[in-house]
Amino acid sequence: MRIISGNLRGRKLIQVQGNDIRPTSDRVREAIFNILGPGVRNARVLDLFAGTGALGLEALSRGAGHGVFVDASLSSCTIIQKNIDLCRMKEKALLIHHDIIALPFPQALKAAPFDLIFIDPPYGRGHVETTLEKTGFIDLLKPDGIVVAEQSFKESLANPSNGLDIYRQKKYSKTFISFLRKEVIDKGSCNHE
C-alpha cells in the first residue's frame, strides 16, 4: 500500500496485520481521487474508520490543508500515527481514538466543518448508513462539501433522510463507492414580489 500521487507519491504505508481491517486498494483510491479532482487542494478532510489513514494521507499528499483521522481500534490508531509520522504530516493531522458508532461525535469534530469526509468502515455491518444518519453528521460537512462512502458491492446505499443526496456511485470489483453532498434547494422556484 502506497501513496499514489502528490508530494508523497510512492511513499509506502504501514499496514495493519490481521483480518480485522480491509484497506482501500490503490486502484480504488486512485479512482476516488480522480473523481474528486482539484477540489482536494486546501480541503479540510475527515477520515472516519481511518484504518491505516491511507485515504486521509492521500488527500494531504494531494494538497489538502488539514486531516482528522478517527478510528475505534487502538491498534489502528497506532498504525495511523506511525503513517502520519512516516509522511511527516504531524502539523496537518489530528488523530482521534473514538468509536463513531457507539458514541456521539467528539467535540473536536465540531470545531469547523469539513470539505471532504471519507467513510470506510468494515463491510457488511451497516456502518455507512448508521454514520450518515447520526445526529449532527450533516453539520460536520460544509455546504459544498462531499462525502465519499465505501461499502461492499453486496450492500446498497439509499439517499439518507438527513439532507444528503447521492450524486454519483461507482462499482470497482467488490467495492461500491458513493459520493454524496448536501441537497441543493432550488431557490429559483420562490416568487419574490
Protein backbone atom coordinates (compact mmCIF):
# COMPACT_ATOMS: atom_id res chain seq x y z
CA MET A 1 0.00 0.00 0.00
CA ARG A 2 1.42 3.35 -1.05
CA ILE A 3 0.55 6.99 -1.64
CA ILE A 4 -0.48 7.26 -5.29
CA SER A 5 0.01 10.92 -6.14
CA GLY A 6 1.06 14.32 -4.85
CA ASN A 7 4.15 15.32 -2.90
CA LEU A 8 4.26 11.94 -1.08
CA ARG A 9 3.85 9.89 -4.24
CA GLY A 10 5.25 6.37 -3.90
CA ARG A 11 5.57 6.55 -0.08
CA LYS A 12 4.85 3.09 1.36
CA LEU A 13 2.45 2.98 4.30
CA ILE A 14 2.49 0.58 7.23
CA GLN A 15 -0.45 -1.82 7.14
CA VAL A 16 -2.47 -3.32 9.96
CA GLN A 17 -1.87 -7.06 10.22
CA GLY A 18 -4.80 -9.48 10.52
CA ASN A 19 -8.29 -9.83 9.13
CA ASP A 20 -9.92 -7.01 11.09
CA ILE A 21 -9.06 -4.36 8.52
CA ARG A 22 -9.57 -4.09 4.77
CA PRO A 23 -7.63 -1.12 3.39
CA THR A 24 -8.93 0.64 0.30
CA SER A 25 -6.95 -0.72 -2.64
CA ASP A 26 -4.56 1.58 -4.52
CA ARG A 27 -6.76 1.23 -7.62
CA VAL A 28 -9.95 2.30 -5.81
CA ARG A 29 -8.16 5.15 -4.03
CA GLU A 30 -6.82 6.41 -7.34
CA ALA A 31 -10.32 6.27 -8.88
CA ILE A 32 -11.83 8.18 -5.94
CA PHE A 33 -9.24 10.96 -6.16
CA ASN A 34 -9.55 11.17 -9.95
CA ILE A 35 -13.28 11.84 -9.45
CA LEU A 36 -12.63 14.39 -6.68
CA GLY A 37 -10.03 16.17 -8.82
CA PRO A 38 -8.52 19.51 -7.75
CA GLY A 39 -11.22 20.06 -5.10
CA VAL A 40 -8.93 18.26 -2.63
CA ARG A 41 -6.45 21.17 -2.57
CA ASN A 42 -6.59 23.12 0.71
CA ALA A 43 -9.54 20.98 1.88
CA ARG A 44 -10.30 20.19 5.49
CA VAL A 45 -10.62 16.37 5.45
CA LEU A 46 -12.21 13.90 7.88
CA ASP A 47 -11.23 10.22 7.57
CA LEU A 48 -13.73 8.12 9.58
CA PHE A 49 -12.94 4.44 10.28
CA ALA A 50 -9.48 5.51 9.13
CA GLY A 51 -7.81 2.08 9.42
CA THR A 52 -4.29 2.90 8.20
CA GLY A 53 -5.04 6.54 7.37
CA ALA A 54 -4.45 5.91 3.65
CA LEU A 55 -7.43 7.97 2.39
CA GLY A 56 -6.68 11.00 4.57
CA LEU A 57 -2.95 10.82 3.88
CA GLU A 58 -3.61 10.58 0.14
CA ALA A 59 -5.68 13.77 0.44
CA LEU A 60 -2.87 15.51 2.36
CA SER A 61 -0.35 14.37 -0.26
CA ARG A 62 -2.56 15.96 -2.92
CA GLY A 63 -2.64 19.31 -1.14
CA ALA A 64 -5.40 19.08 1.47
CA GLY A 65 -4.83 21.62 4.21
CA HIS A 66 -5.73 19.54 7.27
CA GLY A 67 -6.74 15.94 8.02
CA VAL A 68 -8.58 14.48 11.01
CA PHE A 69 -8.34 10.70 11.41
CA VAL A 70 -10.83 8.77 13.59
CA ASP A 71 -10.80 5.07 14.44
CA ALA A 72 -12.19 2.95 17.28
CA SER A 73 -9.31 0.45 17.23
CA LEU A 74 -6.27 1.26 19.32
CA SER A 75 -4.04 -0.88 17.08
CA SER A 76 -5.32 1.01 14.01
CA CYS A 77 -4.65 4.34 15.75
CA THR A 78 -1.08 3.21 16.45
CA ILE A 79 -0.60 2.42 12.74
CA ILE A 80 -2.25 5.69 11.66
CA GLN A 81 0.09 7.67 13.92
CA LYS A 82 3.11 5.82 12.51
CA ASN A 83 1.92 6.58 8.97
CA ILE A 84 1.35 10.25 9.82
CA ASP A 85 4.91 10.39 11.22
CA LEU A 86 6.30 8.48 8.22
CA CYS A 87 4.67 11.03 5.88
CA ARG A 88 5.85 13.95 8.04
CA MET A 89 2.31 15.28 8.35
CA LYS A 90 2.14 15.91 12.14
CA GLU A 91 1.36 19.62 11.68
CA LYS A 92 -1.52 18.90 9.28
CA ALA A 93 -3.02 15.86 11.04
CA LEU A 94 -5.11 15.16 14.14
CA LEU A 95 -5.72 11.58 15.30
CA ILE A 96 -8.74 10.76 17.48
CA HIS A 97 -9.29 7.35 19.10
CA HIS A 98 -13.11 7.20 19.18
CA ASP A 99 -15.97 4.80 18.44
CA ILE A 100 -18.17 6.67 15.94
CA ILE A 101 -20.91 4.01 16.04
CA ALA A 102 -21.32 3.66 19.81
CA LEU A 103 -20.69 7.25 20.89
CA PRO A 104 -21.76 10.77 19.84
CA PHE A 105 -19.37 12.67 17.58
CA PRO A 106 -16.45 14.04 19.61
CA GLN A 107 -16.33 17.79 20.24
CA ALA A 108 -13.09 18.09 18.22
CA LEU A 109 -15.02 17.27 15.03
CA LYS A 110 -17.47 20.10 15.63
CA ALA A 111 -14.85 22.86 15.72
CA ALA A 112 -15.10 23.59 11.98
CA PRO A 113 -16.98 21.82 9.16
CA PHE A 114 -15.18 19.64 6.61
CA ASP A 115 -14.84 19.95 2.83
CA LEU A 116 -14.39 16.22 2.41
CA ILE A 117 -15.46 13.28 4.60
CA PHE A 118 -14.38 9.69 3.94
CA ILE A 119 -16.42 6.85 5.48
CA ASP A 120 -14.71 3.48 5.04
CA PRO A 121 -16.00 1.10 7.75
CA PRO A 122 -15.85 -2.69 7.92
CA TYR A 123 -18.10 -4.19 5.24
CA GLY A 124 -21.49 -5.75 5.88
CA ARG A 125 -22.36 -4.09 9.18
CA GLY A 126 -24.47 -1.14 8.02
CA HIS A 127 -21.99 1.37 9.48
CA VAL A 128 -22.19 3.73 6.47
CA GLU A 129 -25.95 4.22 6.92
CA THR A 130 -25.61 4.46 10.71
CA THR A 131 -22.92 7.13 10.39
CA LEU A 132 -24.76 9.18 7.76
CA GLU A 133 -27.97 9.16 9.84
CA LYS A 134 -26.28 10.06 13.15
CA THR A 135 -27.44 13.23 14.84
CA GLY A 136 -25.10 16.05 13.87
CA PHE A 137 -23.45 14.34 10.90
CA ILE A 138 -24.82 16.86 8.37
CA ASP A 139 -23.34 19.68 10.48
CA LEU A 140 -19.84 18.23 10.05
CA LEU A 141 -20.00 18.96 6.30
CA LYS A 142 -19.55 22.36 4.65
CA PRO A 143 -22.43 23.46 2.38
CA ASP A 144 -20.46 22.50 -0.74
CA GLY A 145 -18.64 19.57 0.91
CA ILE A 146 -18.50 15.98 -0.33
CA VAL A 147 -18.89 12.65 1.47
CA VAL A 148 -17.23 9.57 -0.04
CA ALA A 149 -18.63 6.32 1.38
CA GLU A 150 -17.15 2.89 0.69
CA GLN A 151 -19.12 -0.36 1.05
CA SER A 152 -19.16 -3.92 -0.20
CA PHE A 153 -20.70 -4.35 -3.65
CA LYS A 154 -23.30 -6.54 -1.86
CA GLU A 155 -24.54 -3.53 0.11
CA SER A 156 -26.61 -0.73 -1.36
CA LEU A 157 -26.98 2.80 -0.10
CA ALA A 158 -30.21 4.75 -0.38
CA ASN A 159 -30.36 8.52 -0.04
CA PRO A 160 -30.16 9.31 3.68
CA SER A 161 -33.03 11.21 5.27
CA ASN A 162 -30.86 13.95 6.77
CA GLY A 163 -30.40 16.31 3.81
CA LEU A 164 -27.69 14.45 1.91
CA ASP A 165 -28.05 13.38 -1.70
CA ILE A 166 -26.16 10.66 -3.61
CA TYR A 167 -24.92 12.24 -6.83
CA ARG A 168 -22.60 9.51 -8.10
CA GLN A 169 -21.94 5.81 -7.48
CA LYS A 170 -19.27 3.52 -8.90
CA LYS A 171 -18.51 -0.19 -8.52
CA TYR A 172 -14.91 -1.40 -8.54
CA SER A 173 -14.63 -5.20 -8.28
CA LYS A 174 -16.00 -5.95 -4.77
CA THR A 175 -16.15 -2.30 -3.69
CA PHE A 176 -19.04 0.14 -4.08
CA ILE A 177 -18.31 3.88 -3.75
CA SER A 178 -21.00 6.53 -3.20
CA PHE A 179 -20.41 10.28 -3.49
CA LEU A 180 -22.84 12.45 -1.52
CA ARG A 181 -23.37 16.16 -0.96
CA LYS A 182 -25.95 18.35 0.74
CA GLU A 183 -29.23 18.55 -1.12
CA VAL A 184 -29.47 21.61 -3.33
CA ILE A 185 -32.56 23.67 -2.61
CA ASP A 186 -33.86 25.33 -5.77
CA LYS A 187 -34.08 29.00 -4.79
CA GLY A 188 -35.37 29.91 -8.25
CA SER A 189 -38.78 28.43 -7.52
CA CYS A 190 -39.65 31.12 -4.95
CA ASN A 191 -41.64 34.16 -6.05
CA HIS A 192 -40.49 37.46 -4.61
CA GLU A 193 -42.84 40.39 -5.16
